[in-house]
């Protein structure tokens, strides 16, 4: 079994950009979700009946927790995207340094 592989920095950078795009899209969706599921909107949906207060409170809490979790996921996706792009830059720099060594060095 061989552990050899070649990393194409351009493809890694594309993958990093894709993660960044998905992170941005998710963050935008979370912001929209928060606007539509705020305390007031949920109360409007359930009404202000006494017996619906527990259900309303549960939905408000659930919506808030979902927004936090999805926001954290968006931040994580963005971090992965940045890490992939940094890896692509590092790989490209290493490839250039190796090329220079084979050419006999600079200068």
PDB file of N, CA and C in Angstrom:
ATOM      1  N   UNK A   1       0.843  -1.170   0.000  1.00  0.00           N
ATOM      2  CA  UNK A   1       0.000   0.000   0.000  1.00  0.00           C
ATOM      3  C   UNK A   1       0.892   1.237   0.000  1.00  0.00           C
ATOM      4  N   UNK A   2       0.613   2.132  -0.899  1.00  0.00           N
ATOM      5  CA  UNK A   2       1.419   3.331  -1.043  1.00  0.00           C
ATOM      6  C   UNK A   2       0.711   4.525  -0.407  1.00  0.00           C
ATOM      7  N   UNK A   3       1.462   5.344   0.299  1.00  0.00           N
ATOM      8  CA  UNK A   3       0.896   6.528   0.938  1.00  0.00           C
ATOM      9  C   UNK A   3       1.187   7.785   0.140  1.00  0.00           C
ATOM     10  N   UNK A   4       1.682   7.635  -1.099  1.00  0.00           N
ATOM     11  CA  UNK A   4       2.029   8.787  -1.923  1.00  0.00           C
ATOM     12  C   UNK A   4       0.775   9.444  -2.482  1.00  0.00           C
ATOM     13  N   UNK A   5       0.807  10.752  -2.495  1.00  0.00           N
ATOM     14  CA  UNK A   5      -0.264  11.502  -3.128  1.00  0.00           C
ATOM     15  C   UNK A   5       0.262  12.860  -3.516  1.00  0.00           C
ATOM     16  N   UNK A   6      -0.406  13.499  -4.436  1.00  0.00           N
ATOM     17  CA  UNK A   6      -0.030  14.833  -4.851  1.00  0.00           C
ATOM     18  C   UNK A   6      -1.199  15.761  -4.588  1.00  0.00           C
ATOM     19  N   UNK A   7      -0.892  16.855  -3.972  1.00  0.00           N
ATOM     20  CA  UNK A   7      -1.909  17.842  -3.622  1.00  0.00           C
ATOM     21  C   UNK A   7      -1.858  18.970  -4.645  1.00  0.00           C
ATOM     22  N   UNK A   8      -2.975  19.248  -5.273  1.00  0.00           N
ATOM     23  CA  UNK A   8      -3.037  20.356  -6.207  1.00  0.00           C
ATOM     24  C   UNK A   8      -3.533  21.584  -5.458  1.00  0.00           C
ATOM     25  N   UNK A   9      -2.668  22.556  -5.229  1.00  0.00           N
ATOM     26  CA  UNK A   9      -3.048  23.731  -4.452  1.00  0.00           C
ATOM     27  C   UNK A   9      -4.277  24.456  -5.003  1.00  0.00           C
ATOM     28  N   UNK A  10      -4.401  24.497  -6.317  1.00  0.00           N
ATOM     29  CA  UNK A  10      -5.548  25.191  -6.915  1.00  0.00           C
ATOM     30  C   UNK A  10      -6.861  24.507  -6.544  1.00  0.00           C
ATOM     31  N   UNK A  11      -6.851  23.191  -6.542  1.00  0.00           N
ATOM     32  CA  UNK A  11      -8.062  22.449  -6.191  1.00  0.00           C
ATOM     33  C   UNK A  11      -8.375  22.597  -4.700  1.00  0.00           C
ATOM     34  N   UNK A  12      -7.338  22.611  -3.883  1.00  0.00           N
ATOM     35  CA  UNK A  12      -7.527  22.801  -2.453  1.00  0.00           C
ATOM     36  C   UNK A  12      -8.090  24.199  -2.181  1.00  0.00           C
ATOM     37  N   UNK A  13      -7.581  25.196  -2.895  1.00  0.00           N
ATOM     38  CA  UNK A  13      -8.092  26.568  -2.746  1.00  0.00           C
ATOM     39  C   UNK A  13      -9.555  26.645  -3.188  1.00  0.00           C
ATOM     40  N   UNK A  14      -9.901  25.941  -4.270  1.00  0.00           N
ATOM     41  CA  UNK A  14     -11.308  25.903  -4.717  1.00  0.00           C
ATOM     42  C   UNK A  14     -12.203  25.305  -3.640  1.00  0.00           C
ATOM     43  N   UNK A  15     -11.724  24.234  -3.025  1.00  0.00           N
ATOM     44  CA  UNK A  15     -12.488  23.596  -1.956  1.00  0.00           C
ATOM     45  C   UNK A  15     -12.648  24.561  -0.781  1.00  0.00           C
ATOM     46  N   UNK A  16     -11.581  25.271  -0.453  1.00  0.00           N
ATOM     47  CA  UNK A  16     -11.653  26.272   0.604  1.00  0.00           C
ATOM     48  C   UNK A  16     -12.670  27.355   0.285  1.00  0.00           C
ATOM     49  N   UNK A  17     -12.689  27.801  -0.966  1.00  0.00           N
ATOM     50  CA  UNK A  17     -13.675  28.801  -1.380  1.00  0.00           C
ATOM     51  C   UNK A  17     -15.094  28.260  -1.295  1.00  0.00           C
ATOM     52  N   UNK A  18     -15.262  26.989  -1.637  1.00  0.00           N
ATOM     53  CA  UNK A  18     -16.596  26.373  -1.558  1.00  0.00           C
ATOM     54  C   UNK A  18     -17.078  26.336  -0.103  1.00  0.00           C
ATOM     55  N   UNK A  19     -16.174  25.996   0.813  1.00  0.00           N
ATOM     56  CA  UNK A  19     -16.546  26.007   2.232  1.00  0.00           C
ATOM     57  C   UNK A  19     -16.924  27.422   2.666  1.00  0.00           C
ATOM     58  N   UNK A  20     -16.154  28.410   2.224  1.00  0.00           N
ATOM     59  CA  UNK A  20     -16.451  29.796   2.563  1.00  0.00           C
ATOM     60  C   UNK A  20     -17.804  30.240   2.034  1.00  0.00           C
ATOM     61  N   UNK A  21     -18.119  29.833   0.817  1.00  0.00           N
ATOM     62  CA  UNK A  21     -19.413  30.177   0.223  1.00  0.00           C
ATOM     63  C   UNK A  21     -20.555  29.541   1.006  1.00  0.00           C
ATOM     64  N   UNK A  22     -20.390  28.279   1.359  1.00  0.00           N
ATOM     65  CA  UNK A  22     -21.439  27.595   2.125  1.00  0.00           C
ATOM     66  C   UNK A  22     -21.599  28.218   3.504  1.00  0.00           C
ATOM     67  N   UNK A  23     -20.494  28.627   4.097  1.00  0.00           N
ATOM     68  CA  UNK A  23     -20.552  29.284   5.407  1.00  0.00           C
ATOM     69  C   UNK A  23     -21.331  30.585   5.299  1.00  0.00           C
ATOM     70  N   UNK A  24     -21.058  31.355   4.263  1.00  0.00           N
ATOM     71  CA  UNK A  24     -21.758  32.627   4.055  1.00  0.00           C
ATOM     72  C   UNK A  24     -23.253  32.382   3.824  1.00  0.00           C
ATOM     73  N   UNK A  25     -23.562  31.405   2.971  1.00  0.00           N
ATOM     74  CA  UNK A  25     -24.965  31.081   2.695  1.00  0.00           C
ATOM     75  C   UNK A  25     -25.696  30.658   3.959  1.00  0.00           C
ATOM     76  N   UNK A  26     -25.048  29.819   4.764  1.00  0.00           N
ATOM     77  CA  UNK A  26     -25.669  29.350   5.999  1.00  0.00           C
ATOM     78  C   UNK A  26     -25.855  30.505   6.978  1.00  0.00           C
ATOM     79  N   UNK A  27     -24.854  31.367   7.110  1.00  0.00           N
ATOM     80  CA  UNK A  27     -24.970  32.513   8.010  1.00  0.00           C
ATOM     81  C   UNK A  27     -26.116  33.426   7.575  1.00  0.00           C
ATOM     82  N   UNK A  28     -26.275  33.614   6.272  1.00  0.00           N
ATOM     83  CA  UNK A  28     -27.387  34.426   5.757  1.00  0.00           C
ATOM     84  C   UNK A  28     -28.734  33.775   6.057  1.00  0.00           C
ATOM     85  N   UNK A  29     -28.799  32.460   5.891  1.00  0.00           N
ATOM     86  CA  UNK A  29     -30.037  31.733   6.180  1.00  0.00           C
ATOM     87  C   UNK A  29     -30.373  31.810   7.666  1.00  0.00           C
ATOM     88  N   UNK A  30     -29.362  31.737   8.522  1.00  0.00           N
ATOM     89  CA  UNK A  30     -29.586  31.832   9.968  1.00  0.00           C
ATOM     90  C   UNK A  30     -30.134  33.212  10.317  1.00  0.00           C
ATOM     91  N   UNK A  31     -29.559  34.246   9.706  1.00  0.00           N
ATOM     92  CA  UNK A  31     -30.027  35.606   9.976  1.00  0.00           C
ATOM     93  C   UNK A  31     -31.493  35.751   9.557  1.00  0.00           C
ATOM     94  N   UNK A  32     -31.839  35.193   8.411  1.00  0.00           N
ATOM     95  CA  UNK A  32     -33.223  35.225   7.941  1.00  0.00           C
ATOM     96  C   UNK A  32     -34.138  34.428   8.873  1.00  0.00           C
ATOM     97  N   UNK A  33     -33.659  33.256   9.293  1.00  0.00           N
ATOM     98  CA  UNK A  33     -34.406  32.403  10.216  1.00  0.00           C
ATOM     99  C   UNK A  33     -34.690  33.146  11.520  1.00  0.00           C
ATOM    100  N   UNK A  34     -33.675  33.825  12.041  1.00  0.00           N
ATOM    101  CA  UNK A  34     -33.848  34.565  13.286  1.00  0.00           C
ATOM    102  C   UNK A  34     -34.895  35.668  13.132  1.00  0.00           C
ATOM    103  N   UNK A  35     -34.903  36.299  11.964  1.00  0.00           N
ATOM    104  CA  UNK A  35     -35.879  37.349  11.719  1.00  0.00           C
ATOM    105  C   UNK A  35     -37.306  36.832  11.658  1.00  0.00           C
ATOM    106  N   UNK A  36     -37.460  35.588  11.229  1.00  0.00           N
ATOM    107  CA  UNK A  36     -38.799  35.014  11.103  1.00  0.00           C
ATOM    108  C   UNK A  36     -39.237  34.198  12.308  1.00  0.00           C
ATOM    109  N   UNK A  37     -38.318  33.936  13.223  1.00  0.00           N
ATOM    110  CA  UNK A  37     -38.670  33.087  14.368  1.00  0.00           C
ATOM    111  C   UNK A  37     -38.379  33.767  15.696  1.00  0.00           C
ATOM    112  N   UNK A  38     -38.389  35.062  15.692  1.00  0.00           N
ATOM    113  CA  UNK A  38     -38.175  35.775  16.944  1.00  0.00           C
ATOM    114  C   UNK A  38     -39.339  35.574  17.897  1.00  0.00           C
ATOM    115  N   UNK A  39     -39.153  36.028  19.107  1.00  0.00           N
ATOM    116  CA  UNK A  39     -40.155  35.894  20.162  1.00  0.00           C
ATOM    117  C   UNK A  39     -41.525  36.405  19.715  1.00  0.00           C
ATOM    118  N   UNK A  40     -41.535  37.566  19.113  1.00  0.00           N
ATOM    119  CA  UNK A  40     -42.806  38.177  18.700  1.00  0.00           C
ATOM    120  C   UNK A  40     -43.490  37.377  17.592  1.00  0.00           C
ATOM    121  N   UNK A  41     -42.718  36.917  16.617  1.00  0.00           N
ATOM    122  CA  UNK A  41     -43.298  36.142  15.515  1.00  0.00           C
ATOM    123  C   UNK A  41     -43.894  34.828  16.004  1.00  0.00           C
ATOM    124  N   UNK A  42     -43.219  34.176  16.922  1.00  0.00           N
ATOM    125  CA  UNK A  42     -43.736  32.905  17.442  1.00  0.00           C
ATOM    126  C   UNK A  42     -44.990  33.158  18.277  1.00  0.00           C
ATOM    127  N   UNK A  43     -44.981  34.198  19.070  1.00  0.00           N
ATOM    128  CA  UNK A  43     -46.180  34.538  19.840  1.00  0.00           C
ATOM    129  C   UNK A  43     -47.351  34.821  18.904  1.00  0.00           C
ATOM    130  N   UNK A  44     -47.095  35.512  17.816  1.00  0.00           N
ATOM    131  CA  UNK A  44     -48.155  35.795  16.846  1.00  0.00           C
ATOM    132  C   UNK A  44     -48.703  34.505  16.249  1.00  0.00           C
ATOM    133  N   UNK A  45     -47.833  33.540  16.039  1.00  0.00           N
ATOM    134  CA  UNK A  45     -48.258  32.267  15.460  1.00  0.00           C
ATOM    135  C   UNK A  45     -49.097  31.432  16.403  1.00  0.00           C
ATOM    136  N   UNK A  46     -48.776  31.455  17.685  1.00  0.00           N
ATOM    137  CA  UNK A  46     -49.507  30.653  18.662  1.00  0.00           C
ATOM    138  C   UNK A  46     -50.625  31.427  19.344  1.00  0.00           C
ATOM    139  N   UNK A  47     -50.567  32.717  19.276  1.00  0.00           N
ATOM    140  CA  UNK A  47     -51.557  33.515  19.979  1.00  0.00           C
ATOM    141  C   UNK A  47     -51.143  33.706  21.430  1.00  0.00           C
ATOM    142  N   UNK A  48     -51.948  34.429  22.149  1.00  0.00           N
ATOM    143  CA  UNK A  48     -51.600  34.758  23.534  1.00  0.00           C
ATOM    144  C   UNK A  48     -52.518  34.059  24.532  1.00  0.00           C
ATOM    145  N   UNK A  49     -53.015  32.902  24.168  1.00  0.00           N
ATOM    146  CA  UNK A  49     -53.833  32.137  25.097  1.00  0.00           C
ATOM    147  C   UNK A  49     -52.959  31.626  26.240  1.00  0.00           C
ATOM    148  N   UNK A  50     -53.485  31.591  27.414  1.00  0.00           N
ATOM    149  CA  UNK A  50     -52.736  31.156  28.590  1.00  0.00           C
ATOM    150  C   UNK A  50     -52.185  29.750  28.409  1.00  0.00           C
ATOM    151  N   UNK A  51     -52.993  28.852  27.875  1.00  0.00           N
ATOM    152  CA  UNK A  51     -52.559  27.464  27.743  1.00  0.00           C
ATOM    153  C   UNK A  51     -51.477  27.291  26.664  1.00  0.00           C
ATOM    154  N   UNK A  52     -51.332  28.266  25.790  1.00  0.00           N
ATOM    155  CA  UNK A  52     -50.313  28.128  24.747  1.00  0.00           C
ATOM    156  C   UNK A  52     -48.968  28.717  25.166  1.00  0.00           C
ATOM    157  N   UNK A  53     -48.886  29.322  26.332  1.00  0.00           N
ATOM    158  CA  UNK A  53     -47.645  29.968  26.764  1.00  0.00           C
ATOM    159  C   UNK A  53     -46.486  28.983  26.903  1.00  0.00           C
ATOM    160  N   UNK A  54     -46.741  27.786  27.453  1.00  0.00           N
ATOM    161  CA  UNK A  54     -45.679  26.791  27.581  1.00  0.00           C
ATOM    162  C   UNK A  54     -45.168  26.350  26.220  1.00  0.00           C
ATOM    163  N   UNK A  55     -46.095  26.105  25.312  1.00  0.00           N
ATOM    164  CA  UNK A  55     -45.715  25.678  23.965  1.00  0.00           C
ATOM    165  C   UNK A  55     -44.952  26.797  23.273  1.00  0.00           C
ATOM    166  N   UNK A  56     -45.431  28.013  23.420  1.00  0.00           N
ATOM    167  CA  UNK A  56     -44.773  29.157  22.801  1.00  0.00           C
ATOM    168  C   UNK A  56     -43.359  29.315  23.347  1.00  0.00           C
ATOM    169  N   UNK A  57     -43.212  29.225  24.653  1.00  0.00           N
ATOM    170  CA  UNK A  57     -41.887  29.355  25.271  1.00  0.00           C
ATOM    171  C   UNK A  57     -40.944  28.265  24.767  1.00  0.00           C
ATOM    172  N   UNK A  58     -41.459  27.046  24.614  1.00  0.00           N
ATOM    173  CA  UNK A  58     -40.634  25.944  24.123  1.00  0.00           C
ATOM    174  C   UNK A  58     -40.169  26.210  22.690  1.00  0.00           C
ATOM    175  N   UNK A  59     -41.063  26.726  21.848  1.00  0.00           N
ATOM    176  CA  UNK A  59     -40.688  27.034  20.467  1.00  0.00           C
ATOM    177  C   UNK A  59     -39.706  28.193  20.398  1.00  0.00           C
ATOM    178  N   UNK A  60     -39.875  29.200  21.235  1.00  0.00           N
ATOM    179  CA  UNK A  60     -38.939  30.327  21.266  1.00  0.00           C
ATOM    180  C   UNK A  60     -37.544  29.819  21.638  1.00  0.00           C
ATOM    181  N   UNK A  61     -37.479  28.976  22.671  1.00  0.00           N
ATOM    182  CA  UNK A  61     -36.200  28.422  23.107  1.00  0.00           C
ATOM    183  C   UNK A  61     -35.575  27.547  22.019  1.00  0.00           C
ATOM    184  N   UNK A  62     -36.378  26.706  21.394  1.00  0.00           N
ATOM    185  CA  UNK A  62     -35.888  25.833  20.329  1.00  0.00           C
ATOM    186  C   UNK A  62     -35.345  26.656  19.165  1.00  0.00           C
ATOM    187  N   UNK A  63     -36.082  27.677  18.759  1.00  0.00           N
ATOM    188  CA  UNK A  63     -35.639  28.507  17.645  1.00  0.00           C
ATOM    189  C   UNK A  63     -34.330  29.211  17.974  1.00  0.00           C
ATOM    190  N   UNK A  64     -34.202  29.709  19.192  1.00  0.00           N
ATOM    191  CA  UNK A  64     -32.976  30.391  19.600  1.00  0.00           C
ATOM    192  C   UNK A  64     -31.797  29.419  19.617  1.00  0.00           C
ATOM    193  N   UNK A  65     -32.004  28.220  20.139  1.00  0.00           N
ATOM    194  CA  UNK A  65     -30.940  27.221  20.186  1.00  0.00           C
ATOM    195  C   UNK A  65     -30.528  26.779  18.785  1.00  0.00           C
ATOM    196  N   UNK A  66     -31.509  26.641  17.900  1.00  0.00           N
ATOM    197  CA  UNK A  66     -31.193  26.266  16.523  1.00  0.00           C
ATOM    198  C   UNK A  66     -30.360  27.347  15.850  1.00  0.00           C
ATOM    199  N   UNK A  67     -30.724  28.604  16.063  1.00  0.00           N
ATOM    200  CA  UNK A  67     -29.984  29.708  15.459  1.00  0.00           C
ATOM    201  C   UNK A  67     -28.543  29.734  15.966  1.00  0.00           C
ATOM    202  N   UNK A  68     -28.351  29.508  17.252  1.00  0.00           N
ATOM    203  CA  UNK A  68     -27.001  29.482  17.820  1.00  0.00           C
ATOM    204  C   UNK A  68     -26.201  28.326  17.219  1.00  0.00           C
ATOM    205  N   UNK A  69     -26.790  27.148  17.179  1.00  0.00           N
ATOM    206  CA  UNK A  69     -26.090  25.970  16.652  1.00  0.00           C
ATOM    207  C   UNK A  69     -25.727  26.141  15.180  1.00  0.00           C
ATOM    208  N   UNK A  70     -26.664  26.623  14.401  1.00  0.00           N
ATOM    209  CA  UNK A  70     -26.389  26.817  12.977  1.00  0.00           C
ATOM    210  C   UNK A  70     -25.383  27.939  12.753  1.00  0.00           C
ATOM    211  N   UNK A  71     -25.420  28.957  13.595  1.00  0.00           N
ATOM    212  CA  UNK A  71     -24.423  30.019  13.514  1.00  0.00           C
ATOM    213  C   UNK A  71     -23.023  29.491  13.807  1.00  0.00           C
ATOM    214  N   UNK A  72     -22.926  28.618  14.801  1.00  0.00           N
ATOM    215  CA  UNK A  72     -21.642  27.997  15.116  1.00  0.00           C
ATOM    216  C   UNK A  72     -21.164  27.111  13.975  1.00  0.00           C
ATOM    217  N   UNK A  73     -22.080  26.407  13.340  1.00  0.00           N
ATOM    218  CA  UNK A  73     -21.721  25.577  12.187  1.00  0.00           C
ATOM    219  C   UNK A  73     -21.196  26.456  11.053  1.00  0.00           C
ATOM    220  N   UNK A  74     -21.852  27.577  10.803  1.00  0.00           N
ATOM    221  CA  UNK A  74     -21.402  28.490   9.750  1.00  0.00           C
ATOM    222  C   UNK A  74     -19.990  28.998  10.053  1.00  0.00           C
ATOM    223  N   UNK A  75     -19.729  29.353  11.298  1.00  0.00           N
ATOM    224  CA  UNK A  75     -18.385  29.815  11.680  1.00  0.00           C
ATOM    225  C   UNK A  75     -17.357  28.696  11.498  1.00  0.00           C
ATOM    226  N   UNK A  76     -17.740  27.476  11.840  1.00  0.00           N
ATOM    227  CA  UNK A  76     -16.821  26.350  11.688  1.00  0.00           C
ATOM    228  C   UNK A  76     -16.523  26.094  10.206  1.00  0.00           C
ATOM    229  N   UNK A  77     -17.540  26.132   9.374  1.00  0.00           N
ATOM    230  CA  UNK A  77     -17.325  25.952   7.940  1.00  0.00           C
ATOM    231  C   UNK A  77     -16.386  27.022   7.393  1.00  0.00           C
ATOM    232  N   UNK A  78     -16.551  28.249   7.865  1.00  0.00           N
ATOM    233  CA  UNK A  78     -15.683  29.340   7.440  1.00  0.00           C
ATOM    234  C   UNK A  78     -14.243  29.082   7.877  1.00  0.00           C
ATOM    235  N   UNK A  79     -14.058  28.605   9.102  1.00  0.00           N
ATOM    236  CA  UNK A  79     -12.721  28.283   9.597  1.00  0.00           C
ATOM    237  C   UNK A  79     -12.079  27.167   8.770  1.00  0.00           C
ATOM    238  N   UNK A  80     -12.866  26.153   8.412  1.00  0.00           N
ATOM    239  CA  UNK A  80     -12.348  25.060   7.576  1.00  0.00           C
ATOM    240  C   UNK A  80     -11.928  25.613   6.218  1.00  0.00           C
ATOM    241  N   UNK A  81     -12.755  26.488   5.654  1.00  0.00           N
ATOM    242  CA  UNK A  81     -12.420  27.102   4.368  1.00  0.00           C
ATOM    243  C   UNK A  81     -11.114  27.873   4.435  1.00  0.00           C
ATOM    244  N   UNK A  82     -10.933  28.658   5.502  1.00  0.00           N
ATOM    245  CA  UNK A  82      -9.679  29.406   5.661  1.00  0.00           C
ATOM    246  C   UNK A  82      -8.494  28.456   5.816  1.00  0.00           C
ATOM    247  N   UNK A  83      -8.670  27.391   6.577  1.00  0.00           N
ATOM    248  CA  UNK A  83      -7.587  26.425   6.782  1.00  0.00           C
ATOM    249  C   UNK A  83      -7.203  25.745   5.465  1.00  0.00           C
ATOM    250  N   UNK A  84      -8.197  25.410   4.652  1.00  0.00           N
ATOM    251  CA  UNK A  84      -7.911  24.790   3.358  1.00  0.00           C
ATOM    252  C   UNK A  84      -7.159  25.750   2.446  1.00  0.00           C
ATOM    253  N   UNK A  85      -7.575  27.010   2.428  1.00  0.00           N
ATOM    254  CA  UNK A  85      -6.882  27.995   1.594  1.00  0.00           C
ATOM    255  C   UNK A  85      -5.456  28.238   2.096  1.00  0.00           C
ATOM    256  N   UNK A  86      -5.260  28.257   3.417  1.00  0.00           N
ATOM    257  CA  UNK A  86      -3.913  28.386   3.972  1.00  0.00           C
ATOM    258  C   UNK A  86      -3.061  27.178   3.583  1.00  0.00           C
ATOM    259  N   UNK A  87      -3.660  25.993   3.635  1.00  0.00           N
ATOM    260  CA  UNK A  87      -2.953  24.780   3.225  1.00  0.00           C
ATOM    261  C   UNK A  87      -2.559  24.833   1.759  1.00  0.00           C
ATOM    262  N   UNK A  88      -3.432  25.373   0.929  1.00  0.00           N
ATOM    263  CA  UNK A  88      -3.126  25.505  -0.495  1.00  0.00           C
ATOM    264  C   UNK A  88      -1.947  26.454  -0.703  1.00  0.00           C
ATOM    265  N   UNK A  89      -1.944  27.566   0.032  1.00  0.00           N
ATOM    266  CA  UNK A  89      -0.822  28.527  -0.081  1.00  0.00           C
ATOM    267  C   UNK A  89       0.481  27.881   0.365  1.00  0.00           C
ATOM    268  N   UNK A  90       0.421  27.159   1.482  1.00  0.00           N
ATOM    269  CA  UNK A  90       1.622  26.496   1.993  1.00  0.00           C
ATOM    270  C   UNK A  90       2.131  25.435   1.022  1.00  0.00           C
ATOM    271  N   UNK A  91       1.217  24.692   0.438  1.00  0.00           N
ATOM    272  CA  UNK A  91       1.601  23.660  -0.516  1.00  0.00           C
ATOM    273  C   UNK A  91       2.226  24.281  -1.762  1.00  0.00           C
ATOM    274  N   UNK A  92       1.633  25.360  -2.211  1.00  0.00           N
ATOM    275  CA  UNK A  92       2.171  26.040  -3.391  1.00  0.00           C
ATOM    276  C   UNK A  92       3.578  26.593  -3.098  1.00  0.00           C
ATOM    277  N   UNK A  93       3.760  27.167  -1.917  1.00  0.00           N
ATOM    278  CA  UNK A  93       5.074  27.688  -1.536  1.00  0.00           C
ATOM    279  C   UNK A  93       6.097  26.554  -1.453  1.00  0.00           C
ATOM    280  N   UNK A  94       5.693  25.413  -0.912  1.00  0.00           N
ATOM    281  CA  UNK A  94       6.598  24.262  -0.815  1.00  0.00           C
ATOM    282  C   UNK A  94       6.961  23.749  -2.203  1.00  0.00           C
ATOM    283  N   UNK A  95       5.975  23.700  -3.096  1.00  0.00           N
ATOM    284  CA  UNK A  95       6.240  23.268  -4.475  1.00  0.00           C
ATOM    285  C   UNK A  95       7.225  24.213  -5.157  1.00  0.00           C
ATOM    286  N   UNK A  96       7.056  25.517  -4.958  1.00  0.00           N
ATOM    287  CA  UNK A  96       7.961  26.495  -5.560  1.00  0.00           C
ATOM    288  C   UNK A  96       9.369  26.361  -4.993  1.00  0.00           C
ATOM    289  N   UNK A  97       9.474  26.147  -3.687  1.00  0.00           N
ATOM    290  CA  UNK A  97      10.787  25.979  -3.062  1.00  0.00           C
ATOM    291  C   UNK A  97      11.479  24.724  -3.590  1.00  0.00           C
ATOM    292  N   UNK A  98      10.725  23.654  -3.756  1.00  0.00           N
ATOM    293  CA  UNK A  98      11.286  22.418  -4.284  1.00  0.00           C
ATOM    294  C   UNK A  98      11.733  22.600  -5.729  1.00  0.00           C
ATOM    295  N   UNK A  99      10.938  23.316  -6.509  1.00  0.00           N
ATOM    296  CA  UNK A  99      11.299  23.598  -7.893  1.00  0.00           C
ATOM    297  C   UNK A  99      12.606  24.386  -7.950  1.00  0.00           C
ATOM    298  N   UNK A 100      12.730  25.377  -7.063  1.00  0.00           N
ATOM    299  CA  UNK A 100      13.961  26.166  -7.007  1.00  0.00           C
ATOM    300  C   UNK A 100      15.168  25.303  -6.661  1.00  0.00           C
ATOM    301  N   UNK A 101      14.976  24.343  -5.752  1.00  0.00           N
ATOM    302  CA  UNK A 101      16.076  23.436  -5.402  1.00  0.00           C
ATOM    303  C   UNK A 101      16.532  22.610  -6.609  1.00  0.00           C
ATOM    304  N   UNK A 102      15.560  22.124  -7.389  1.00  0.00           N
ATOM    305  CA  UNK A 102      15.904  21.328  -8.563  1.00  0.00           C
ATOM    306  C   UNK A 102      16.570  22.173  -9.639  1.00  0.00           C
ATOM    307  N   UNK A 103      16.270  23.448  -9.667  1.00  0.00           N
ATOM    308  CA  UNK A 103      16.881  24.342 -10.658  1.00  0.00           C
ATOM    309  C   UNK A 103      18.252  24.830 -10.207  1.00  0.00           C
ATOM    310  N   UNK A 104      18.659  24.456  -9.021  1.00  0.00           N
ATOM    311  CA  UNK A 104      19.968  24.861  -8.529  1.00  0.00           C
ATOM    312  C   UNK A 104      19.931  26.057  -7.608  1.00  0.00           C
ATOM    313  N   UNK A 105      18.762  26.408  -7.163  1.00  0.00           N
ATOM    314  CA  UNK A 105      18.648  27.527  -6.235  1.00  0.00           C
ATOM    315  C   UNK A 105      18.661  28.859  -6.936  1.00  0.00           C
ATOM    316  N   UNK A 106      18.295  29.854  -6.195  1.00  0.00           N
ATOM    317  CA  UNK A 106      18.274  31.228  -6.741  1.00  0.00           C
ATOM    318  C   UNK A 106      19.613  31.890  -6.485  1.00  0.00           C
ATOM    319  N   UNK A 107      19.926  32.780  -7.368  1.00  0.00           N
ATOM    320  CA  UNK A 107      20.960  33.680  -7.088  1.00  0.00           C
ATOM    321  C   UNK A 107      22.312  33.417  -7.441  1.00  0.00           C
TER     322      UNK A 107
END
